[in-house]
């Protein structure tokens, strides 16, 4: 499905699928992929607070109760997943640190770095 969307440059659908992937497996590669497609779709600024709330507090977006991060995609298309979202022990400090490094925000880097347990 994603390949079809890529061929037609349907960036909103690609962003939706990448966001679904991130919520199922929140790591820096998924984050970067999701934000690139969200930027192409013109929605990066609107999804970033939702993503940060999830990573910092474990707060699911309200549409998650309807089995999709973005309403209508993909459950309404008949696609479902056995495991919707990864269990989360928020905050995900290492991921937050990596996001802050990508954002080149030294204050936030320091904030999350000092909170990561050593060892």
C-alpha atoms as a PDB file:
ATOM      1  CA  UNK A   1       0.000   0.000   0.000  1.00  0.00           C
ATOM      2  CA  UNK A   2       2.759   2.423   0.920  1.00  0.00           C
ATOM      3  CA  UNK A   3       4.577   1.762  -2.340  1.00  0.00           C
ATOM      4  CA  UNK A   4       1.412   2.653  -4.276  1.00  0.00           C
ATOM      5  CA  UNK A   5       1.104   5.873  -2.284  1.00  0.00           C
ATOM      6  CA  UNK A   6       4.753   6.693  -2.959  1.00  0.00           C
ATOM      7  CA  UNK A   7       4.276   6.170  -6.686  1.00  0.00           C
ATOM      8  CA  UNK A   8       1.344   8.592  -6.688  1.00  0.00           C
ATOM      9  CA  UNK A   9       3.074  11.007  -4.263  1.00  0.00           C
ATOM     10  CA  UNK A  10       0.167  10.769  -1.812  1.00  0.00           C
ATOM     11  CA  UNK A  11       2.151  12.311   1.050  1.00  0.00           C
ATOM     12  CA  UNK A  12      -0.780  12.525   3.438  1.00  0.00           C
ATOM     13  CA  UNK A  13      -1.372   8.777   3.210  1.00  0.00           C
ATOM     14  CA  UNK A  14       2.366   8.084   3.445  1.00  0.00           C
ATOM     15  CA  UNK A  15       2.539  10.267   6.562  1.00  0.00           C
ATOM     16  CA  UNK A  16      -0.432   8.394   8.036  1.00  0.00           C
ATOM     17  CA  UNK A  17       1.206   5.027   7.418  1.00  0.00           C
ATOM     18  CA  UNK A  18       4.566   6.237   8.775  1.00  0.00           C
ATOM     19  CA  UNK A  19       2.810   7.601  11.863  1.00  0.00           C
ATOM     20  CA  UNK A  20       1.097   4.253  12.403  1.00  0.00           C
ATOM     21  CA  UNK A  21       4.523   2.599  12.154  1.00  0.00           C
ATOM     22  CA  UNK A  22       5.997   5.026  14.686  1.00  0.00           C
ATOM     23  CA  UNK A  23       3.238   4.378  17.219  1.00  0.00           C
ATOM     24  CA  UNK A  24       3.793   0.644  16.853  1.00  0.00           C
ATOM     25  CA  UNK A  25       7.584   0.934  17.102  1.00  0.00           C
ATOM     26  CA  UNK A  26       8.724   4.296  18.492  1.00  0.00           C
ATOM     27  CA  UNK A  27      12.374   4.664  17.571  1.00  0.00           C
ATOM     28  CA  UNK A  28      14.489   7.350  15.956  1.00  0.00           C
ATOM     29  CA  UNK A  29      14.415   5.809  12.456  1.00  0.00           C
ATOM     30  CA  UNK A  30      10.619   5.648  12.493  1.00  0.00           C
ATOM     31  CA  UNK A  31      10.490   9.181  13.904  1.00  0.00           C
ATOM     32  CA  UNK A  32      12.696  10.576  11.142  1.00  0.00           C
ATOM     33  CA  UNK A  33      10.765   8.736   8.421  1.00  0.00           C
ATOM     34  CA  UNK A  34       7.463   9.944   9.856  1.00  0.00           C
ATOM     35  CA  UNK A  35       8.587  13.568  10.129  1.00  0.00           C
ATOM     36  CA  UNK A  36       9.963  13.603   6.560  1.00  0.00           C
ATOM     37  CA  UNK A  37       6.671  12.366   5.136  1.00  0.00           C
ATOM     38  CA  UNK A  38       4.693  14.662   7.461  1.00  0.00           C
ATOM     39  CA  UNK A  39       6.776  17.599   6.216  1.00  0.00           C
ATOM     40  CA  UNK A  40       6.044  16.611   2.610  1.00  0.00           C
ATOM     41  CA  UNK A  41       2.335  16.402   3.471  1.00  0.00           C
ATOM     42  CA  UNK A  42       2.427  19.792   5.195  1.00  0.00           C
ATOM     43  CA  UNK A  43       1.340  18.403   8.590  1.00  0.00           C
ATOM     44  CA  UNK A  44       4.630  18.179  10.530  1.00  0.00           C
ATOM     45  CA  UNK A  45       3.826  21.142  12.778  1.00  0.00           C
ATOM     46  CA  UNK A  46       0.397  19.764  13.634  1.00  0.00           C
ATOM     47  CA  UNK A  47       1.491  16.207  14.476  1.00  0.00           C
ATOM     48  CA  UNK A  48       4.665  17.065  16.384  1.00  0.00           C
ATOM     49  CA  UNK A  49       2.839  18.014  19.650  1.00  0.00           C
ATOM     50  CA  UNK A  50       0.878  14.754  19.472  1.00  0.00           C
ATOM     51  CA  UNK A  51       4.053  12.748  18.935  1.00  0.00           C
ATOM     52  CA  UNK A  52       5.871  14.541  21.757  1.00  0.00           C
ATOM     53  CA  UNK A  53       2.946  13.962  24.164  1.00  0.00           C
ATOM     54  CA  UNK A  54       3.097  10.267  23.311  1.00  0.00           C
ATOM     55  CA  UNK A  55       6.868   9.989  23.812  1.00  0.00           C
ATOM     56  CA  UNK A  56       6.991  12.202  26.927  1.00  0.00           C
ATOM     57  CA  UNK A  57       3.800  11.160  28.716  1.00  0.00           C
ATOM     58  CA  UNK A  58       2.528   8.038  26.957  1.00  0.00           C
ATOM     59  CA  UNK A  59      -0.591   9.941  25.859  1.00  0.00           C
ATOM     60  CA  UNK A  60      -2.256   8.329  22.855  1.00  0.00           C
ATOM     61  CA  UNK A  61      -3.962  10.585  20.325  1.00  0.00           C
ATOM     62  CA  UNK A  62      -7.732  10.579  20.657  1.00  0.00           C
ATOM     63  CA  UNK A  63      -8.081   8.858  17.287  1.00  0.00           C
ATOM     64  CA  UNK A  64      -6.154   5.855  18.656  1.00  0.00           C
ATOM     65  CA  UNK A  65      -9.374   4.641  20.235  1.00  0.00           C
ATOM     66  CA  UNK A  66     -10.756   4.349  16.702  1.00  0.00           C
ATOM     67  CA  UNK A  67      -7.782   2.122  15.793  1.00  0.00           C
ATOM     68  CA  UNK A  68      -5.975   4.708  13.706  1.00  0.00           C
ATOM     69  CA  UNK A  69      -3.661   7.584  14.457  1.00  0.00           C
ATOM     70  CA  UNK A  70      -5.216   9.512  11.606  1.00  0.00           C
ATOM     71  CA  UNK A  71      -8.979   8.864  11.355  1.00  0.00           C
ATOM     72  CA  UNK A  72     -10.013   6.848   8.331  1.00  0.00           C
ATOM     73  CA  UNK A  73      -6.582   5.381   7.693  1.00  0.00           C
ATOM     74  CA  UNK A  74      -6.126   2.380   7.445  1.00  0.00           C
ATOM     75  CA  UNK A  75      -8.876   0.603   9.477  1.00  0.00           C
ATOM     76  CA  UNK A  76     -11.675   2.056   7.324  1.00  0.00           C
ATOM     77  CA  UNK A  77      -9.864   0.505   4.366  1.00  0.00           C
ATOM     78  CA  UNK A  78     -10.256  -2.911   6.014  1.00  0.00           C
ATOM     79  CA  UNK A  79      -6.668  -3.185   7.247  1.00  0.00           C
ATOM     80  CA  UNK A  80      -6.066  -4.092  10.866  1.00  0.00           C
ATOM     81  CA  UNK A  81      -3.034  -5.016  12.910  1.00  0.00           C
ATOM     82  CA  UNK A  82      -2.749  -7.574  15.677  1.00  0.00           C
ATOM     83  CA  UNK A  83      -0.705  -5.273  17.896  1.00  0.00           C
ATOM     84  CA  UNK A  84      -1.829  -1.669  17.562  1.00  0.00           C
ATOM     85  CA  UNK A  85       0.770   0.216  19.578  1.00  0.00           C
ATOM     86  CA  UNK A  86       3.914  -0.594  21.489  1.00  0.00           C
ATOM     87  CA  UNK A  87       3.607  -0.654  25.265  1.00  0.00           C
ATOM     88  CA  UNK A  88       5.214   2.527  26.470  1.00  0.00           C
ATOM     89  CA  UNK A  89       7.071   3.298  29.665  1.00  0.00           C
ATOM     90  CA  UNK A  90       7.038   7.076  29.265  1.00  0.00           C
ATOM     91  CA  UNK A  91       9.013   9.153  29.030  1.00  0.00           C
ATOM     92  CA  UNK A  92      11.209   7.525  26.411  1.00  0.00           C
ATOM     93  CA  UNK A  93      14.287   9.472  27.487  1.00  0.00           C
ATOM     94  CA  UNK A  94      16.781   8.021  24.977  1.00  0.00           C
ATOM     95  CA  UNK A  95      14.394   8.746  22.090  1.00  0.00           C
ATOM     96  CA  UNK A  96      13.694  12.232  23.425  1.00  0.00           C
ATOM     97  CA  UNK A  97      17.440  12.838  23.611  1.00  0.00           C
ATOM     98  CA  UNK A  98      17.871  11.697  19.996  1.00  0.00           C
ATOM     99  CA  UNK A  99      15.001  13.940  18.866  1.00  0.00           C
ATOM    100  CA  UNK A 100      16.574  16.908  20.681  1.00  0.00           C
ATOM    101  CA  UNK A 101      19.906  16.176  18.976  1.00  0.00           C
ATOM    102  CA  UNK A 102      18.199  16.142  15.568  1.00  0.00           C
ATOM    103  CA  UNK A 103      16.480  19.423  16.464  1.00  0.00           C
ATOM    104  CA  UNK A 104      19.870  20.863  17.516  1.00  0.00           C
ATOM    105  CA  UNK A 105      18.374  22.073  20.807  1.00  0.00           C
ATOM    106  CA  UNK A 106      21.208  21.983  23.397  1.00  0.00           C
ATOM    107  CA  UNK A 107      18.985  22.882  26.355  1.00  0.00           C
ATOM    108  CA  UNK A 108      16.613  20.001  25.664  1.00  0.00           C
ATOM    109  CA  UNK A 109      19.555  17.676  24.941  1.00  0.00           C
ATOM    110  CA  UNK A 110      20.966  18.443  28.385  1.00  0.00           C
ATOM    111  CA  UNK A 111      17.550  18.132  30.032  1.00  0.00           C
ATOM    112  CA  UNK A 112      16.998  14.590  28.711  1.00  0.00           C
ATOM    113  CA  UNK A 113      20.643  13.527  28.981  1.00  0.00           C
ATOM    114  CA  UNK A 114      20.804  14.122  32.733  1.00  0.00           C
ATOM    115  CA  UNK A 115      17.611  12.088  33.190  1.00  0.00           C
ATOM    116  CA  UNK A 116      18.921   8.959  31.458  1.00  0.00           C
ATOM    117  CA  UNK A 117      20.002   6.411  34.073  1.00  0.00           C
ATOM    118  CA  UNK A 118      23.653   5.402  33.724  1.00  0.00           C
ATOM    119  CA  UNK A 119      24.744   1.819  33.459  1.00  0.00           C
END
